[in-house]
Amino acid sequence: MSDESSRTDLLWETIQQKEDYPIFRLCYLSKPTKPFTAEDLDDIESKSIIANNERDVTGLLIVNDDRILQILEGAEDSVRNLYTKIEADSRHTMLKLVSAVEDEVRLLYKWSMVVRGLAGTPTKLLEQFTQVYDELLAAEPQAEISIDHVDLFREIALFDTLPRKV
């Protein structure tokens, strides 16, 4: 196992935590109505961090050209209320609820909101994301987000934060 892989695995273990109440995890897909700029993504992330801290919601938003994928976690009422606001947001269209499930573990612990565009992402990760997105888009409602999916999304989210080999 490489040093980078070990660091990633250790970080992943530290961001999971069992909660005192059931965690509600929601995943949706959508298409942007116009391309997001880096400034748009920074603005979404900074505003979401503040709002989600107040709601005790954690999440991950991945945007790639014409694909948006978001995972939200927290108390069910908080997550569903936030999703209702997202449904009304004019910055995206073709919203598809992929899954909405209860779990004992928050997978995105301490991530009030991590927003990632995929510019600069290695080709292999980009191809995997595109394939998973297309599979989830074609799936029946209430498709299951597998641990392999979450691992991919986490790798994408952590990509810019990991030290690069020199």
N, C-alpha and C. Protein backbone atom coordinates (compact mmCIF):
# COMPACT_ATOMS: atom_id res chain seq x y z
N MET A 1 0.85 -1.17 0.00
CA MET A 1 0.00 0.00 0.00
C MET A 1 0.90 1.24 0.00
N SER A 2 0.60 2.22 -0.86
CA SER A 2 1.42 3.41 -0.96
C SER A 2 1.18 4.32 0.24
N ASP A 3 2.14 5.24 0.47
CA ASP A 3 1.99 6.20 1.56
C ASP A 3 0.77 7.08 1.35
N GLU A 4 0.53 7.47 0.08
CA GLU A 4 -0.62 8.31 -0.22
C GLU A 4 -1.92 7.56 0.06
N SER A 5 -1.97 6.30 -0.31
CA SER A 5 -3.15 5.48 -0.06
C SER A 5 -3.37 5.31 1.44
N SER A 6 -2.31 5.11 2.20
CA SER A 6 -2.42 4.97 3.65
C SER A 6 -2.95 6.24 4.28
N ARG A 7 -2.44 7.39 3.83
CA ARG A 7 -2.93 8.68 4.36
C ARG A 7 -4.39 8.87 4.04
N THR A 8 -4.79 8.51 2.82
CA THR A 8 -6.18 8.64 2.42
C THR A 8 -7.07 7.74 3.28
N ASP A 9 -6.67 6.49 3.48
CA ASP A 9 -7.45 5.56 4.29
C ASP A 9 -7.59 6.05 5.72
N LEU A 10 -6.50 6.58 6.29
CA LEU A 10 -6.54 7.09 7.65
C LEU A 10 -7.48 8.29 7.74
N LEU A 11 -7.39 9.18 6.77
CA LEU A 11 -8.29 10.33 6.77
C LEU A 11 -9.73 9.88 6.65
N TRP A 12 -10.01 8.91 5.78
CA TRP A 12 -11.37 8.40 5.60
C TRP A 12 -11.92 7.85 6.91
N GLU A 13 -11.09 7.10 7.66
CA GLU A 13 -11.54 6.54 8.93
C GLU A 13 -11.87 7.63 9.93
N THR A 14 -11.14 8.73 9.90
CA THR A 14 -11.38 9.80 10.88
C THR A 14 -12.60 10.63 10.56
N ILE A 15 -13.10 10.56 9.33
CA ILE A 15 -14.26 11.39 9.00
C ILE A 15 -15.57 10.63 9.13
N GLN A 16 -15.53 9.41 9.56
CA GLN A 16 -16.74 8.65 9.82
C GLN A 16 -17.01 8.66 11.33
N GLN A 17 -18.24 8.86 11.71
CA GLN A 17 -18.56 8.86 13.12
C GLN A 17 -19.99 8.39 13.31
N LYS A 18 -20.20 7.59 14.32
CA LYS A 18 -21.55 7.13 14.65
C LYS A 18 -22.26 8.26 15.40
N GLU A 19 -23.50 8.51 15.04
CA GLU A 19 -24.28 9.60 15.64
C GLU A 19 -25.22 9.05 16.71
N ASP A 20 -25.74 9.95 17.52
CA ASP A 20 -26.71 9.58 18.54
C ASP A 20 -28.10 9.38 17.96
N TYR A 21 -28.30 9.81 16.74
CA TYR A 21 -29.60 9.67 16.09
C TYR A 21 -29.35 9.09 14.69
N PRO A 22 -30.38 8.52 14.08
CA PRO A 22 -30.18 7.96 12.74
C PRO A 22 -29.78 9.07 11.76
N ILE A 23 -28.84 8.77 10.92
CA ILE A 23 -28.41 9.71 9.88
C ILE A 23 -29.25 9.45 8.64
N PHE A 24 -29.73 10.50 8.06
CA PHE A 24 -30.48 10.41 6.81
C PHE A 24 -29.55 10.87 5.70
N ARG A 25 -29.33 10.01 4.71
CA ARG A 25 -28.43 10.32 3.60
C ARG A 25 -29.24 10.40 2.32
N LEU A 26 -29.09 11.50 1.62
CA LEU A 26 -29.82 11.73 0.38
C LEU A 26 -28.79 12.00 -0.73
N CYS A 27 -29.02 11.41 -1.88
CA CYS A 27 -28.16 11.65 -3.04
C CYS A 27 -29.05 12.02 -4.22
N TYR A 28 -28.65 13.06 -4.94
CA TYR A 28 -29.38 13.43 -6.14
C TYR A 28 -28.41 13.78 -7.26
N LEU A 29 -28.94 13.77 -8.47
CA LEU A 29 -28.22 14.17 -9.68
C LEU A 29 -28.99 15.31 -10.32
N SER A 30 -28.29 16.17 -11.03
CA SER A 30 -28.97 17.20 -11.82
C SER A 30 -28.03 17.69 -12.91
N LYS A 31 -28.52 18.61 -13.70
CA LYS A 31 -27.75 19.24 -14.78
C LYS A 31 -27.77 20.75 -14.52
N PRO A 32 -26.61 21.41 -14.67
CA PRO A 32 -26.60 22.86 -14.49
C PRO A 32 -27.31 23.56 -15.65
N THR A 33 -27.97 24.68 -15.36
CA THR A 33 -28.61 25.44 -16.44
C THR A 33 -27.58 26.24 -17.23
N LYS A 34 -26.43 26.52 -16.61
CA LYS A 34 -25.29 27.14 -17.30
C LYS A 34 -24.03 26.66 -16.58
N PRO A 35 -22.88 26.72 -17.24
CA PRO A 35 -21.65 26.22 -16.61
C PRO A 35 -21.31 26.99 -15.32
N PHE A 36 -20.84 26.24 -14.32
CA PHE A 36 -20.39 26.84 -13.08
C PHE A 36 -18.93 27.28 -13.23
N THR A 37 -18.62 28.47 -12.74
CA THR A 37 -17.24 28.92 -12.71
C THR A 37 -16.61 28.51 -11.38
N ALA A 38 -15.30 28.63 -11.29
CA ALA A 38 -14.62 28.35 -10.02
C ALA A 38 -15.14 29.28 -8.93
N GLU A 39 -15.45 30.52 -9.29
CA GLU A 39 -16.00 31.48 -8.32
C GLU A 39 -17.38 31.04 -7.85
N ASP A 40 -18.20 30.52 -8.76
CA ASP A 40 -19.53 30.01 -8.38
C ASP A 40 -19.38 28.89 -7.35
N LEU A 41 -18.46 27.96 -7.61
CA LEU A 41 -18.27 26.82 -6.70
C LEU A 41 -17.76 27.28 -5.34
N ASP A 42 -16.84 28.24 -5.33
CA ASP A 42 -16.35 28.80 -4.06
C ASP A 42 -17.48 29.45 -3.28
N ASP A 43 -18.34 30.18 -3.99
CA ASP A 43 -19.47 30.87 -3.35
C ASP A 43 -20.46 29.85 -2.76
N ILE A 44 -20.76 28.82 -3.53
CA ILE A 44 -21.67 27.77 -3.04
C ILE A 44 -21.07 27.12 -1.79
N GLU A 45 -19.79 26.80 -1.85
CA GLU A 45 -19.15 26.13 -0.72
C GLU A 45 -19.15 27.00 0.53
N SER A 46 -18.76 28.26 0.41
CA SER A 46 -18.68 29.12 1.60
C SER A 46 -20.05 29.37 2.22
N LYS A 47 -21.05 29.60 1.41
CA LYS A 47 -22.40 29.82 1.94
C LYS A 47 -22.98 28.53 2.53
N SER A 48 -22.70 27.40 1.88
CA SER A 48 -23.22 26.11 2.37
C SER A 48 -22.60 25.72 3.71
N ILE A 49 -21.33 26.01 3.87
CA ILE A 49 -20.66 25.67 5.13
C ILE A 49 -21.37 26.36 6.30
N ILE A 50 -21.64 27.63 6.16
CA ILE A 50 -22.31 28.39 7.23
C ILE A 50 -23.71 27.84 7.49
N ALA A 51 -24.50 27.70 6.43
CA ALA A 51 -25.88 27.23 6.57
C ALA A 51 -25.94 25.79 7.09
N ASN A 52 -25.07 24.94 6.57
CA ASN A 52 -25.12 23.53 6.97
C ASN A 52 -24.63 23.31 8.39
N ASN A 53 -23.70 24.14 8.86
CA ASN A 53 -23.29 24.05 10.27
C ASN A 53 -24.48 24.33 11.18
N GLU A 54 -25.31 25.30 10.80
CA GLU A 54 -26.50 25.61 11.59
C GLU A 54 -27.52 24.47 11.56
N ARG A 55 -27.59 23.76 10.46
CA ARG A 55 -28.55 22.66 10.29
C ARG A 55 -28.02 21.31 10.78
N ASP A 56 -26.73 21.22 11.09
CA ASP A 56 -26.05 19.96 11.38
C ASP A 56 -26.16 19.00 10.19
N VAL A 57 -25.93 19.56 9.01
CA VAL A 57 -25.95 18.80 7.77
C VAL A 57 -24.53 18.78 7.22
N THR A 58 -24.11 17.64 6.72
CA THR A 58 -22.83 17.53 6.04
C THR A 58 -23.09 17.12 4.60
N GLY A 59 -22.12 17.38 3.73
CA GLY A 59 -22.38 17.03 2.35
C GLY A 59 -21.19 17.15 1.44
N LEU A 60 -21.43 16.74 0.22
CA LEU A 60 -20.43 16.74 -0.83
C LEU A 60 -21.15 17.07 -2.13
N LEU A 61 -20.61 18.02 -2.87
CA LEU A 61 -21.17 18.42 -4.16
C LEU A 61 -20.07 18.30 -5.20
N ILE A 62 -20.32 17.51 -6.25
CA ILE A 62 -19.36 17.34 -7.33
C ILE A 62 -20.02 17.86 -8.61
N VAL A 63 -19.31 18.76 -9.29
CA VAL A 63 -19.83 19.36 -10.52
C VAL A 63 -18.83 19.11 -11.63
N ASN A 64 -19.31 18.53 -12.72
CA ASN A 64 -18.46 18.28 -13.89
C ASN A 64 -19.24 18.62 -15.14
N ASP A 65 -18.89 19.72 -15.76
CA ASP A 65 -19.53 20.16 -16.99
C ASP A 65 -21.05 20.13 -16.86
N ASP A 66 -21.69 19.09 -17.42
CA ASP A 66 -23.15 19.02 -17.40
C ASP A 66 -23.67 18.01 -16.38
N ARG A 67 -22.87 17.71 -15.37
CA ARG A 67 -23.26 16.73 -14.35
C ARG A 67 -23.07 17.31 -12.95
N ILE A 68 -24.11 17.18 -12.14
CA ILE A 68 -24.04 17.57 -10.73
C ILE A 68 -24.46 16.36 -9.92
N LEU A 69 -23.67 16.03 -8.90
CA LEU A 69 -24.01 14.97 -7.96
C LEU A 69 -23.83 15.55 -6.56
N GLN A 70 -24.82 15.36 -5.71
CA GLN A 70 -24.68 15.82 -4.34
C GLN A 70 -25.18 14.75 -3.37
N ILE A 71 -24.44 14.63 -2.27
CA ILE A 71 -24.83 13.79 -1.14
C ILE A 71 -24.98 14.70 0.06
N LEU A 72 -26.09 14.56 0.78
CA LEU A 72 -26.36 15.32 2.00
C LEU A 72 -26.64 14.35 3.12
N GLU A 73 -26.17 14.66 4.33
CA GLU A 73 -26.40 13.81 5.50
C GLU A 73 -26.77 14.67 6.71
N GLY A 74 -27.62 14.12 7.55
CA GLY A 74 -28.00 14.78 8.78
C GLY A 74 -29.31 14.22 9.29
N ALA A 75 -29.96 14.99 10.15
CA ALA A 75 -31.29 14.61 10.61
C ALA A 75 -32.24 14.68 9.40
N GLU A 76 -33.18 13.75 9.33
CA GLU A 76 -34.03 13.65 8.15
C GLU A 76 -34.76 14.96 7.84
N ASP A 77 -35.35 15.61 8.84
CA ASP A 77 -36.07 16.87 8.59
C ASP A 77 -35.15 17.92 7.99
N SER A 78 -33.94 18.05 8.53
CA SER A 78 -33.00 19.05 8.02
C SER A 78 -32.61 18.77 6.57
N VAL A 79 -32.32 17.51 6.27
CA VAL A 79 -31.90 17.15 4.92
C VAL A 79 -33.06 17.32 3.94
N ARG A 80 -34.25 16.89 4.31
CA ARG A 80 -35.40 17.03 3.41
C ARG A 80 -35.75 18.50 3.17
N ASN A 81 -35.67 19.33 4.22
CA ASN A 81 -35.93 20.76 4.05
C ASN A 81 -34.91 21.40 3.11
N LEU A 82 -33.65 21.02 3.26
CA LEU A 82 -32.62 21.54 2.38
C LEU A 82 -32.86 21.06 0.94
N TYR A 83 -33.23 19.82 0.77
CA TYR A 83 -33.49 19.29 -0.57
C TYR A 83 -34.66 20.04 -1.23
N THR A 84 -35.66 20.41 -0.46
CA THR A 84 -36.78 21.20 -1.01
C THR A 84 -36.26 22.53 -1.56
N LYS A 85 -35.34 23.17 -0.85
CA LYS A 85 -34.74 24.42 -1.35
C LYS A 85 -33.93 24.16 -2.61
N ILE A 86 -33.20 23.07 -2.63
CA ILE A 86 -32.38 22.72 -3.79
C ILE A 86 -33.27 22.49 -5.01
N GLU A 87 -34.41 21.83 -4.81
CA GLU A 87 -35.33 21.58 -5.93
C GLU A 87 -35.79 22.88 -6.59
N ALA A 88 -35.90 23.95 -5.79
CA ALA A 88 -36.37 25.23 -6.31
C ALA A 88 -35.24 26.10 -6.88
N ASP A 89 -34.00 25.66 -6.75
CA ASP A 89 -32.84 26.44 -7.19
C ASP A 89 -32.78 26.45 -8.72
N SER A 90 -32.78 27.64 -9.31
CA SER A 90 -32.81 27.77 -10.78
C SER A 90 -31.46 27.51 -11.44
N ARG A 91 -30.42 27.24 -10.66
CA ARG A 91 -29.10 27.00 -11.26
C ARG A 91 -28.96 25.60 -11.84
N HIS A 92 -29.96 24.76 -11.60
CA HIS A 92 -29.90 23.41 -12.18
C HIS A 92 -31.28 22.92 -12.56
N THR A 93 -31.27 21.86 -13.35
CA THR A 93 -32.51 21.30 -13.88
C THR A 93 -32.38 19.78 -13.93
N MET A 94 -33.44 19.11 -14.33
CA MET A 94 -33.45 17.65 -14.46
C MET A 94 -33.00 16.97 -13.18
N LEU A 95 -33.53 17.42 -12.06
CA LEU A 95 -33.19 16.85 -10.76
C LEU A 95 -33.71 15.42 -10.67
N LYS A 96 -32.84 14.51 -10.23
CA LYS A 96 -33.25 13.12 -10.02
C LYS A 96 -32.79 12.69 -8.63
N LEU A 97 -33.74 12.34 -7.78
CA LEU A 97 -33.43 11.79 -6.47
C LEU A 97 -32.98 10.35 -6.67
N VAL A 98 -31.73 10.07 -6.31
CA VAL A 98 -31.17 8.74 -6.51
C VAL A 98 -31.49 7.86 -5.31
N SER A 99 -31.22 8.37 -4.12
CA SER A 99 -31.49 7.58 -2.92
C SER A 99 -31.74 8.50 -1.74
N ALA A 100 -32.50 7.99 -0.80
CA ALA A 100 -32.79 8.67 0.46
C ALA A 100 -32.94 7.57 1.49
N VAL A 101 -31.90 7.38 2.32
CA VAL A 101 -31.86 6.25 3.24
C VAL A 101 -31.40 6.68 4.63
N GLU A 102 -31.76 5.86 5.60
CA GLU A 102 -31.32 6.06 6.98
C GLU A 102 -30.10 5.17 7.22
N ASP A 103 -29.17 5.68 8.04
CA ASP A 103 -27.95 4.93 8.35
C ASP A 103 -27.54 5.29 9.77
N GLU A 104 -26.70 4.46 10.36
CA GLU A 104 -26.19 4.73 11.70
C GLU A 104 -24.91 5.56 11.68
N VAL A 105 -24.26 5.64 10.52
CA VAL A 105 -22.95 6.29 10.42
C VAL A 105 -23.02 7.46 9.46
N ARG A 106 -22.46 8.58 9.88
CA ARG A 106 -22.31 9.74 9.00
C ARG A 106 -20.99 9.57 8.26
N LEU A 107 -21.06 9.42 6.95
CA LEU A 107 -19.85 9.19 6.16
C LEU A 107 -19.08 10.48 5.88
N LEU A 108 -19.75 11.60 5.95
CA LEU A 108 -19.11 12.88 5.63
C LEU A 108 -18.96 13.75 6.87
N TYR A 109 -18.58 13.12 7.96
CA TYR A 109 -18.40 13.81 9.23
C TYR A 109 -17.41 14.97 9.07
N LYS A 110 -17.76 16.11 9.64
CA LYS A 110 -16.96 17.34 9.61
C LYS A 110 -16.93 18.01 8.25
N TRP A 111 -17.66 17.51 7.27
CA TRP A 111 -17.71 18.15 5.97
C TRP A 111 -19.02 18.93 5.87
N SER A 112 -19.05 20.15 6.40
CA SER A 112 -20.27 20.96 6.30
C SER A 112 -20.71 21.03 4.84
N MET A 113 -19.73 21.22 3.98
CA MET A 113 -19.96 21.08 2.55
C MET A 113 -18.61 21.12 1.86
N VAL A 114 -18.35 20.11 1.08
CA VAL A 114 -17.16 20.07 0.23
C VAL A 114 -17.67 20.15 -1.20
N VAL A 115 -17.22 21.17 -1.91
CA VAL A 115 -17.64 21.39 -3.28
C VAL A 115 -16.43 21.19 -4.18
N ARG A 116 -16.58 20.34 -5.18
CA ARG A 116 -15.47 20.05 -6.09
C ARG A 116 -15.94 20.11 -7.54
N GLY A 117 -15.24 20.89 -8.31
CA GLY A 117 -15.32 20.81 -9.75
C GLY A 117 -14.28 19.77 -10.15
N LEU A 118 -14.35 19.25 -11.33
CA LEU A 118 -13.43 18.19 -11.71
C LEU A 118 -12.32 18.65 -12.64
N ALA A 119 -12.17 19.96 -12.82
CA ALA A 119 -11.06 20.46 -13.63
C ALA A 119 -9.76 20.04 -12.96
N GLY A 120 -8.87 19.45 -13.73
CA GLY A 120 -7.60 19.01 -13.20
C GLY A 120 -7.62 17.64 -12.54
N THR A 121 -8.78 17.01 -12.48
CA THR A 121 -8.88 15.67 -11.92
C THR A 121 -8.27 14.67 -12.90
N PRO A 122 -7.53 13.69 -12.40
CA PRO A 122 -6.95 12.69 -13.31
C PRO A 122 -8.01 12.04 -14.20
N THR A 123 -7.63 11.75 -15.41
CA THR A 123 -8.55 11.19 -16.41
C THR A 123 -9.26 9.95 -15.89
N LYS A 124 -8.53 9.08 -15.21
CA LYS A 124 -9.12 7.84 -14.70
C LYS A 124 -10.29 8.13 -13.76
N LEU A 125 -10.10 9.07 -12.83
CA LEU A 125 -11.18 9.44 -11.89
C LEU A 125 -12.34 10.08 -12.62
N LEU A 126 -12.03 10.93 -13.58
CA LEU A 126 -13.07 11.60 -14.35
C LEU A 126 -13.91 10.59 -15.12
N GLU A 127 -13.27 9.61 -15.73
CA GLU A 127 -14.00 8.56 -16.46
C GLU A 127 -14.86 7.73 -15.52
N GLN A 128 -14.32 7.40 -14.33
CA GLN A 128 -15.09 6.63 -13.36
C GLN A 128 -16.31 7.42 -12.88
N PHE A 129 -16.11 8.72 -12.60
CA PHE A 129 -17.23 9.55 -12.16
C PHE A 129 -18.31 9.60 -13.24
N THR A 130 -17.92 9.82 -14.47
CA THR A 130 -18.88 9.89 -15.58
C THR A 130 -19.65 8.58 -15.71
N GLN A 131 -18.97 7.46 -15.59
CA GLN A 131 -19.63 6.15 -15.70
C GLN A 131 -20.63 5.96 -14.55
N VAL A 132 -20.22 6.26 -13.32
CA VAL A 132 -21.13 6.10 -12.18
C VAL A 132 -22.32 7.04 -12.31
N TYR A 133 -22.06 8.27 -12.68
CA TYR A 133 -23.15 9.24 -12.85
C TYR A 133 -24.17 8.72 -13.86
N ASP A 134 -23.68 8.27 -15.02
CA ASP A 134 -24.59 7.78 -16.06
C ASP A 134 -25.36 6.54 -15.60
N GLU A 135 -24.71 5.65 -14.85
CA GLU A 135 -25.40 4.47 -14.31
C GLU A 135 -26.50 4.89 -13.33
N LEU A 136 -26.19 5.83 -12.44
CA LEU A 136 -27.19 6.30 -11.47
C LEU A 136 -28.33 7.04 -12.17
N LEU A 137 -28.01 7.79 -13.21
CA LEU A 137 -29.04 8.51 -13.95
C LEU A 137 -30.01 7.53 -14.62
N ALA A 138 -29.50 6.41 -15.12
CA ALA A 138 -30.34 5.41 -15.79
C ALA A 138 -31.04 4.46 -14.81
N ALA A 139 -30.59 4.44 -13.56
CA ALA A 139 -31.13 3.49 -12.58
C ALA A 139 -32.56 3.86 -12.17
N GLU A 140 -33.24 2.85 -11.65
CA GLU A 140 -34.57 3.07 -11.09
C GLU A 140 -34.46 3.99 -9.87
N PRO A 141 -35.54 4.70 -9.52
CA PRO A 141 -35.51 5.51 -8.30
C PRO A 141 -35.16 4.64 -7.09
N GLN A 142 -34.53 5.24 -6.14
CA GLN A 142 -34.05 4.60 -4.91
C GLN A 142 -32.97 3.57 -5.20
N ALA A 143 -32.11 3.90 -6.16
CA ALA A 143 -30.93 3.07 -6.40
C ALA A 143 -30.04 3.18 -5.17
N GLU A 144 -29.25 2.17 -4.95
CA GLU A 144 -28.37 2.19 -3.78
C GLU A 144 -27.03 2.81 -4.15
N ILE A 145 -26.57 3.70 -3.30
CA ILE A 145 -25.23 4.25 -3.45
C ILE A 145 -24.31 3.27 -2.74
N SER A 146 -23.45 2.61 -3.50
CA SER A 146 -22.60 1.58 -2.93
C SER A 146 -21.39 2.20 -2.25
N ILE A 147 -20.71 1.40 -1.45
CA ILE A 147 -19.49 1.87 -0.80
C ILE A 147 -18.43 2.19 -1.85
N ASP A 148 -18.45 1.49 -2.97
CA ASP A 148 -17.53 1.81 -4.07
C ASP A 148 -17.81 3.20 -4.63
N HIS A 149 -19.09 3.54 -4.75
CA HIS A 149 -19.44 4.90 -5.20
C HIS A 149 -18.92 5.92 -4.22
N VAL A 150 -19.19 5.71 -2.94
CA VAL A 150 -18.76 6.66 -1.91
C VAL A 150 -17.24 6.79 -1.91
N ASP A 151 -16.54 5.67 -2.08
CA ASP A 151 -15.08 5.71 -2.16
C ASP A 151 -14.61 6.58 -3.33
N LEU A 152 -15.26 6.44 -4.46
CA LEU A 152 -14.90 7.25 -5.62
C LEU A 152 -15.15 8.73 -5.33
N PHE A 153 -16.33 9.06 -4.79
CA PHE A 153 -16.66 10.45 -4.51
C PHE A 153 -15.69 11.04 -3.48
N ARG A 154 -15.33 10.24 -2.50
CA ARG A 154 -14.40 10.70 -1.47
C ARG A 154 -13.02 10.94 -2.08
N GLU A 155 -12.59 10.05 -2.97
CA GLU A 155 -11.29 10.23 -3.62
C GLU A 155 -11.27 11.51 -4.45
N ILE A 156 -12.35 11.78 -5.14
CA ILE A 156 -12.45 13.02 -5.92
C ILE A 156 -12.40 14.22 -4.99
N ALA A 157 -13.16 14.16 -3.90
CA ALA A 157 -13.22 15.29 -2.96
C ALA A 157 -11.88 15.54 -2.29
N LEU A 158 -11.15 14.48 -2.00
CA LEU A 158 -9.87 14.62 -1.31
C LEU A 158 -8.72 14.88 -2.27
N PHE A 159 -8.96 14.75 -3.55
CA PHE A 159 -7.88 14.82 -4.53
C PHE A 159 -7.06 16.10 -4.39
N ASP A 160 -7.70 17.25 -4.34
CA ASP A 160 -6.96 18.52 -4.26
C ASP A 160 -6.32 18.75 -2.92
N THR A 161 -6.72 18.02 -1.88
CA THR A 161 -6.18 18.27 -0.54
C THR A 161 -5.01 17.37 -0.20
N LEU A 162 -4.76 16.34 -1.02
CA LEU A 162 -3.66 15.42 -0.73
C LEU A 162 -2.36 15.97 -1.31
N PRO A 163 -1.25 15.74 -0.61
CA PRO A 163 0.02 16.20 -1.16
C PRO A 163 0.35 15.47 -2.46
N ARG A 164 0.91 16.19 -3.40
CA ARG A 164 1.31 15.62 -4.68
C ARG A 164 2.71 15.03 -4.56
N LYS A 165 2.95 13.98 -5.32
CA LYS A 165 4.31 13.43 -5.39
C LYS A 165 5.16 14.42 -6.18
N VAL A 166 6.37 14.61 -5.71
CA VAL A 166 7.27 15.58 -6.36
C VAL A 166 8.13 14.89 -7.37
